[in-house]
Amino acid sequence: MTESLKHTIKILEKVSFSKDLFIKEVTKAIDLLLPYEIDQLKEWILNFTKNKSDFKEVLNYV
């Protein structure tokens, strides 16, 4: 896992109290990360949101 992906995940964990902020940060991350990092981020989001039904739509932004 790259440093930029680790940083992105750290930010997403901090803003996970708000779905709107989470989506905003995911959108920013997509612009900055490399394609293979985006794939890793998708996997992380799937695992992170599996118990948060209101966050399922986040994957539409990835």
PDB file of N, CA and C in Angstrom:
ATOM      1  N   MET A   1       0.855  -1.179   0.000  1.00  0.00           N
ATOM      2  CA  MET A   1       0.000   0.000   0.000  1.00  0.00           C
ATOM      3  C   MET A   1       0.901   1.241   0.000  1.00  0.00           C
ATOM      4  N   THR A   2       0.611   2.141  -0.898  1.00  0.00           N
ATOM      5  CA  THR A   2       1.430   3.343  -1.027  1.00  0.00           C
ATOM      6  C   THR A   2       1.103   4.354   0.065  1.00  0.00           C
ATOM      7  N   GLU A   3       2.007   5.302   0.240  1.00  0.00           N
ATOM      8  CA  GLU A   3       1.795   6.346   1.249  1.00  0.00           C
ATOM      9  C   GLU A   3       0.581   7.204   0.906  1.00  0.00           C
ATOM     10  N   SER A   4       0.385   7.492  -0.361  1.00  0.00           N
ATOM     11  CA  SER A   4      -0.766   8.316  -0.742  1.00  0.00           C
ATOM     12  C   SER A   4      -2.084   7.592  -0.466  1.00  0.00           C
ATOM     13  N   LEU A   5      -2.111   6.297  -0.672  1.00  0.00           N
ATOM     14  CA  LEU A   5      -3.319   5.531  -0.369  1.00  0.00           C
ATOM     15  C   LEU A   5      -3.536   5.450   1.138  1.00  0.00           C
ATOM     16  N   LYS A   6      -2.477   5.243   1.892  1.00  0.00           N
ATOM     17  CA  LYS A   6      -2.589   5.228   3.356  1.00  0.00           C
ATOM     18  C   LYS A   6      -3.133   6.560   3.865  1.00  0.00           C
ATOM     19  N   HIS A   7      -2.626   7.646   3.301  1.00  0.00           N
ATOM     20  CA  HIS A   7      -3.079   8.983   3.696  1.00  0.00           C
ATOM     21  C   HIS A   7      -4.567   9.163   3.372  1.00  0.00           C
ATOM     22  N   THR A   8      -4.959   8.726   2.191  1.00  0.00           N
ATOM     23  CA  THR A   8      -6.362   8.820   1.780  1.00  0.00           C
ATOM     24  C   THR A   8      -7.263   8.047   2.734  1.00  0.00           C
ATOM     25  N   ILE A   9      -6.861   6.850   3.091  1.00  0.00           N
ATOM     26  CA  ILE A   9      -7.658   6.019   3.996  1.00  0.00           C
ATOM     27  C   ILE A   9      -7.761   6.668   5.369  1.00  0.00           C
ATOM     28  N   LYS A  10      -6.675   7.250   5.824  1.00  0.00           N
ATOM     29  CA  LYS A  10      -6.688   7.935   7.121  1.00  0.00           C
ATOM     30  C   LYS A  10      -7.703   9.083   7.109  1.00  0.00           C
ATOM     31  N   ILE A  11      -7.709   9.842   6.028  1.00  0.00           N
ATOM     32  CA  ILE A  11      -8.665  10.945   5.894  1.00  0.00           C
ATOM     33  C   ILE A  11     -10.093  10.414   5.841  1.00  0.00           C
ATOM     34  N   LEU A  12     -10.313   9.362   5.064  1.00  0.00           N
ATOM     35  CA  LEU A  12     -11.663   8.799   4.949  1.00  0.00           C
ATOM     36  C   LEU A  12     -12.171   8.287   6.290  1.00  0.00           C
ATOM     37  N   GLU A  13     -11.308   7.698   7.072  1.00  0.00           N
ATOM     38  CA  GLU A  13     -11.711   7.240   8.405  1.00  0.00           C
ATOM     39  C   GLU A  13     -12.115   8.418   9.284  1.00  0.00           C
ATOM     40  N   LYS A  14     -11.393   9.528   9.163  1.00  0.00           N
ATOM     41  CA  LYS A  14     -11.688  10.710   9.984  1.00  0.00           C
ATOM     42  C   LYS A  14     -12.991  11.393   9.593  1.00  0.00           C
ATOM     43  N   VAL A  15     -13.357  11.338   8.319  1.00  0.00           N
ATOM     44  CA  VAL A  15     -14.581  12.018   7.875  1.00  0.00           C
ATOM     45  C   VAL A  15     -15.763  11.060   7.747  1.00  0.00           C
ATOM     46  N   SER A  16     -15.606   9.848   8.196  1.00  0.00           N
ATOM     47  CA  SER A  16     -16.665   8.847   8.013  1.00  0.00           C
ATOM     48  C   SER A  16     -17.925   9.138   8.828  1.00  0.00           C
ATOM     49  N   PHE A  17     -17.888  10.155   9.667  1.00  0.00           N
ATOM     50  CA  PHE A  17     -19.089  10.549  10.405  1.00  0.00           C
ATOM     51  C   PHE A  17     -20.112  11.209   9.478  1.00  0.00           C
ATOM     52  N   SER A  18     -19.656  11.653   8.303  1.00  0.00           N
ATOM     53  CA  SER A  18     -20.525  12.339   7.355  1.00  0.00           C
ATOM     54  C   SER A  18     -20.404  11.698   5.970  1.00  0.00           C
ATOM     55  N   LYS A  19     -21.511  11.184   5.467  1.00  0.00           N
ATOM     56  CA  LYS A  19     -21.493  10.560   4.140  1.00  0.00           C
ATOM     57  C   LYS A  19     -21.095  11.567   3.069  1.00  0.00           C
ATOM     58  N   ASP A  20     -21.575  12.799   3.181  1.00  0.00           N
ATOM     59  CA  ASP A  20     -21.261  13.812   2.173  1.00  0.00           C
ATOM     60  C   ASP A  20     -19.768  14.141   2.145  1.00  0.00           C
ATOM     61  N   LEU A  21     -19.157  14.291   3.312  1.00  0.00           N
ATOM     62  CA  LEU A  21     -17.714  14.535   3.373  1.00  0.00           C
ATOM     63  C   LEU A  21     -16.936  13.340   2.847  1.00  0.00           C
ATOM     64  N   PHE A  22     -17.403  12.163   3.187  1.00  0.00           N
ATOM     65  CA  PHE A  22     -16.757  10.930   2.739  1.00  0.00           C
ATOM     66  C   PHE A  22     -16.739  10.882   1.213  1.00  0.00           C
ATOM     67  N   ILE A  23     -17.881  11.157   0.601  1.00  0.00           N
ATOM     68  CA  ILE A  23     -17.984  11.158  -0.859  1.00  0.00           C
ATOM     69  C   ILE A  23     -17.074  12.229  -1.461  1.00  0.00           C
ATOM     70  N   LYS A  24     -17.042  13.399  -0.848  1.00  0.00           N
ATOM     71  CA  LYS A  24     -16.182  14.479  -1.334  1.00  0.00           C
ATOM     72  C   LYS A  24     -14.715  14.047  -1.327  1.00  0.00           C
ATOM     73  N   GLU A  25     -14.288  13.404  -0.248  1.00  0.00           N
ATOM     74  CA  GLU A  25     -12.894  12.963  -0.143  1.00  0.00           C
ATOM     75  C   GLU A  25     -12.591  11.807  -1.103  1.00  0.00           C
ATOM     76  N   VAL A  26     -13.551  10.929  -1.307  1.00  0.00           N
ATOM     77  CA  VAL A  26     -13.361   9.841  -2.280  1.00  0.00           C
ATOM     78  C   VAL A  26     -13.186  10.433  -3.676  1.00  0.00           C
ATOM     79  N   THR A  27     -14.001  11.405  -4.008  1.00  0.00           N
ATOM     80  CA  THR A  27     -13.914  12.052  -5.318  1.00  0.00           C
ATOM     81  C   THR A  27     -12.551  12.720  -5.512  1.00  0.00           C
ATOM     82  N   LYS A  28     -12.063  13.396  -4.480  1.00  0.00           N
ATOM     83  CA  LYS A  28     -10.735  14.018  -4.570  1.00  0.00           C
ATOM     84  C   LYS A  28      -9.655  12.958  -4.732  1.00  0.00           C
ATOM     85  N   ALA A  29      -9.790  11.865  -4.010  1.00  0.00           N
ATOM     86  CA  ALA A  29      -8.785  10.799  -4.068  1.00  0.00           C
ATOM     87  C   ALA A  29      -8.710  10.186  -5.460  1.00  0.00           C
ATOM     88  N   ILE A  30      -9.843  10.038  -6.112  1.00  0.00           N
ATOM     89  CA  ILE A  30      -9.881   9.447  -7.452  1.00  0.00           C
ATOM     90  C   ILE A  30      -9.041  10.278  -8.422  1.00  0.00           C
ATOM     91  N   ASP A  31      -9.040  11.591  -8.232  1.00  0.00           N
ATOM     92  CA  ASP A  31      -8.257  12.466  -9.107  1.00  0.00           C
ATOM     93  C   ASP A  31      -6.757  12.350  -8.855  1.00  0.00           C
ATOM     94  N   LEU A  32      -6.375  11.934  -7.649  1.00  0.00           N
ATOM     95  CA  LEU A  32      -4.964  11.922  -7.265  1.00  0.00           C
ATOM     96  C   LEU A  32      -4.296  10.554  -7.341  1.00  0.00           C
ATOM     97  N   LEU A  33      -5.067   9.499  -7.132  1.00  0.00           N
ATOM     98  CA  LEU A  33      -4.479   8.165  -7.042  1.00  0.00           C
ATOM     99  C   LEU A  33      -4.265   7.541  -8.418  1.00  0.00           C
ATOM    100  N   LEU A  34      -3.340   6.614  -8.462  1.00  0.00           N
ATOM    101  CA  LEU A  34      -3.083   5.844  -9.680  1.00  0.00           C
ATOM    102  C   LEU A  34      -4.136   4.750  -9.828  1.00  0.00           C
ATOM    103  N   PRO A  35      -4.340   4.235 -11.037  1.00  0.00           N
ATOM    104  CA  PRO A  35      -5.393   3.227 -11.255  1.00  0.00           C
ATOM    105  C   PRO A  35      -5.327   2.026 -10.306  1.00  0.00           C
ATOM    106  N   TYR A  36      -4.146   1.481 -10.052  1.00  0.00           N
ATOM    107  CA  TYR A  36      -4.076   0.328  -9.156  1.00  0.00           C
ATOM    108  C   TYR A  36      -4.377   0.722  -7.708  1.00  0.00           C
ATOM    109  N   GLU A  37      -4.093   1.981  -7.349  1.00  0.00           N
ATOM    110  CA  GLU A  37      -4.435   2.455  -6.005  1.00  0.00           C
ATOM    111  C   GLU A  37      -5.946   2.629  -5.871  1.00  0.00           C
ATOM    112  N   ILE A  38      -6.582   3.054  -6.944  1.00  0.00           N
ATOM    113  CA  ILE A  38      -8.039   3.203  -6.941  1.00  0.00           C
ATOM    114  C   ILE A  38      -8.696   1.843  -6.750  1.00  0.00           C
ATOM    115  N   ASP A  39      -8.152   0.816  -7.384  1.00  0.00           N
ATOM    116  CA  ASP A  39      -8.675  -0.542  -7.187  1.00  0.00           C
ATOM    117  C   ASP A  39      -8.552  -0.964  -5.724  1.00  0.00           C
ATOM    118  N   GLN A  40      -7.420  -0.661  -5.111  1.00  0.00           N
ATOM    119  CA  GLN A  40      -7.226  -0.988  -3.692  1.00  0.00           C
ATOM    120  C   GLN A  40      -8.179  -0.176  -2.821  1.00  0.00           C
ATOM    121  N   LEU A  41      -8.397   1.080  -3.195  1.00  0.00           N
ATOM    122  CA  LEU A  41      -9.322   1.930  -2.448  1.00  0.00           C
ATOM    123  C   LEU A  41     -10.742   1.378  -2.531  1.00  0.00           C
ATOM    124  N   LYS A  42     -11.147   0.909  -3.710  1.00  0.00           N
ATOM    125  CA  LYS A  42     -12.482   0.310  -3.866  1.00  0.00           C
ATOM    126  C   LYS A  42     -12.659  -0.866  -2.909  1.00  0.00           C
ATOM    127  N   GLU A  43     -11.650  -1.720  -2.837  1.00  0.00           N
ATOM    128  CA  GLU A  43     -11.709  -2.869  -1.924  1.00  0.00           C
ATOM    129  C   GLU A  43     -11.834  -2.405  -0.480  1.00  0.00           C
ATOM    130  N   TRP A  44     -11.059  -1.396  -0.130  1.00  0.00           N
ATOM    131  CA  TRP A  44     -11.111  -0.871   1.236  1.00  0.00           C
ATOM    132  C   TRP A  44     -12.497  -0.301   1.534  1.00  0.00           C
ATOM    133  N   ILE A  45     -13.048   0.466   0.587  1.00  0.00           N
ATOM    134  CA  ILE A  45     -14.380   1.059   0.781  1.00  0.00           C
ATOM    135  C   ILE A  45     -15.427  -0.034   0.941  1.00  0.00           C
ATOM    136  N   LEU A  46     -15.343  -1.087   0.136  1.00  0.00           N
ATOM    137  CA  LEU A  46     -16.284  -2.209   0.266  1.00  0.00           C
ATOM    138  C   LEU A  46     -16.258  -2.788   1.675  1.00  0.00           C
ATOM    139  N   ASN A  47     -15.070  -3.021   2.189  1.00  0.00           N
ATOM    140  CA  ASN A  47     -14.943  -3.578   3.536  1.00  0.00           C
ATOM    141  C   ASN A  47     -15.375  -2.585   4.605  1.00  0.00           C
ATOM    142  N   PHE A  48     -15.000  -1.329   4.434  1.00  0.00           N
ATOM    143  CA  PHE A  48     -15.295  -0.310   5.437  1.00  0.00           C
ATOM    144  C   PHE A  48     -16.789  -0.025   5.528  1.00  0.00           C
ATOM    145  N   THR A  49     -17.489  -0.097   4.402  1.00  0.00           N
ATOM    146  CA  THR A  49     -18.905   0.279   4.383  1.00  0.00           C
ATOM    147  C   THR A  49     -19.856  -0.908   4.472  1.00  0.00           C
ATOM    148  N   LYS A  50     -19.338  -2.115   4.624  1.00  0.00           N
ATOM    149  CA  LYS A  50     -20.227  -3.280   4.589  1.00  0.00           C
ATOM    150  C   LYS A  50     -21.291  -3.262   5.686  1.00  0.00           C
ATOM    151  N   ASN A  51     -21.034  -2.587   6.792  1.00  0.00           N
ATOM    152  CA  ASN A  51     -22.020  -2.486   7.871  1.00  0.00           C
ATOM    153  C   ASN A  51     -22.672  -1.113   7.933  1.00  0.00           C
ATOM    154  N   LYS A  52     -22.445  -0.306   6.921  1.00  0.00           N
ATOM    155  CA  LYS A  52     -23.009   1.049   6.880  1.00  0.00           C
ATOM    156  C   LYS A  52     -23.883   1.154   5.635  1.00  0.00           C
ATOM    157  N   SER A  53     -25.109   0.770   5.754  1.00  0.00           N
ATOM    158  CA  SER A  53     -25.987   0.694   4.583  1.00  0.00           C
ATOM    159  C   SER A  53     -26.147   2.041   3.880  1.00  0.00           C
ATOM    160  N   ASP A  54     -26.106   3.136   4.619  1.00  0.00           N
ATOM    161  CA  ASP A  54     -26.274   4.440   3.988  1.00  0.00           C
ATOM    162  C   ASP A  54     -25.039   4.880   3.194  1.00  0.00           C
ATOM    163  N   PHE A  55     -23.933   4.164   3.327  1.00  0.00           N
ATOM    164  CA  PHE A  55     -22.706   4.488   2.604  1.00  0.00           C
ATOM    165  C   PHE A  55     -22.538   3.661   1.330  1.00  0.00           C
ATOM    166  N   LYS A  56     -23.452   2.759   1.042  1.00  0.00           N
ATOM    167  CA  LYS A  56     -23.317   1.871  -0.119  1.00  0.00           C
ATOM    168  C   LYS A  56     -23.203   2.649  -1.429  1.00  0.00           C
ATOM    169  N   GLU A  57     -23.858   3.778  -1.519  1.00  0.00           N
ATOM    170  CA  GLU A  57     -23.829   4.550  -2.760  1.00  0.00           C
ATOM    171  C   GLU A  57     -22.465   5.179  -3.044  1.00  0.00           C
ATOM    172  N   VAL A  58     -21.578   5.174  -2.066  1.00  0.00           N
ATOM    173  CA  VAL A  58     -20.246   5.754  -2.252  1.00  0.00           C
ATOM    174  C   VAL A  58     -19.525   5.089  -3.418  1.00  0.00           C
ATOM    175  N   LEU A  59     -19.735   3.807  -3.604  1.00  0.00           N
ATOM    176  CA  LEU A  59     -19.053   3.095  -4.689  1.00  0.00           C
ATOM    177  C   LEU A  59     -19.459   3.611  -6.066  1.00  0.00           C
ATOM    178  N   ASN A  60     -20.578   4.300  -6.151  1.00  0.00           N
ATOM    179  CA  ASN A  60     -20.980   4.896  -7.426  1.00  0.00           C
ATOM    180  C   ASN A  60     -20.030   6.013  -7.852  1.00  0.00           C
ATOM    181  N   TYR A  61     -19.289   6.550  -6.893  1.00  0.00           N
ATOM    182  CA  TYR A  61     -18.379   7.660  -7.173  1.00  0.00           C
ATOM    183  C   TYR A  61     -16.975   7.188  -7.526  1.00  0.00           C
ATOM    184  N   VAL A  62     -16.725   5.893  -7.361  1.00  0.00           N
ATOM    185  CA  VAL A  62     -15.385   5.356  -7.610  1.00  0.00           C
ATOM    186  C   VAL A  62     -15.324   4.772  -9.010  1.00  0.00           C
TER     187      VAL A  62
END
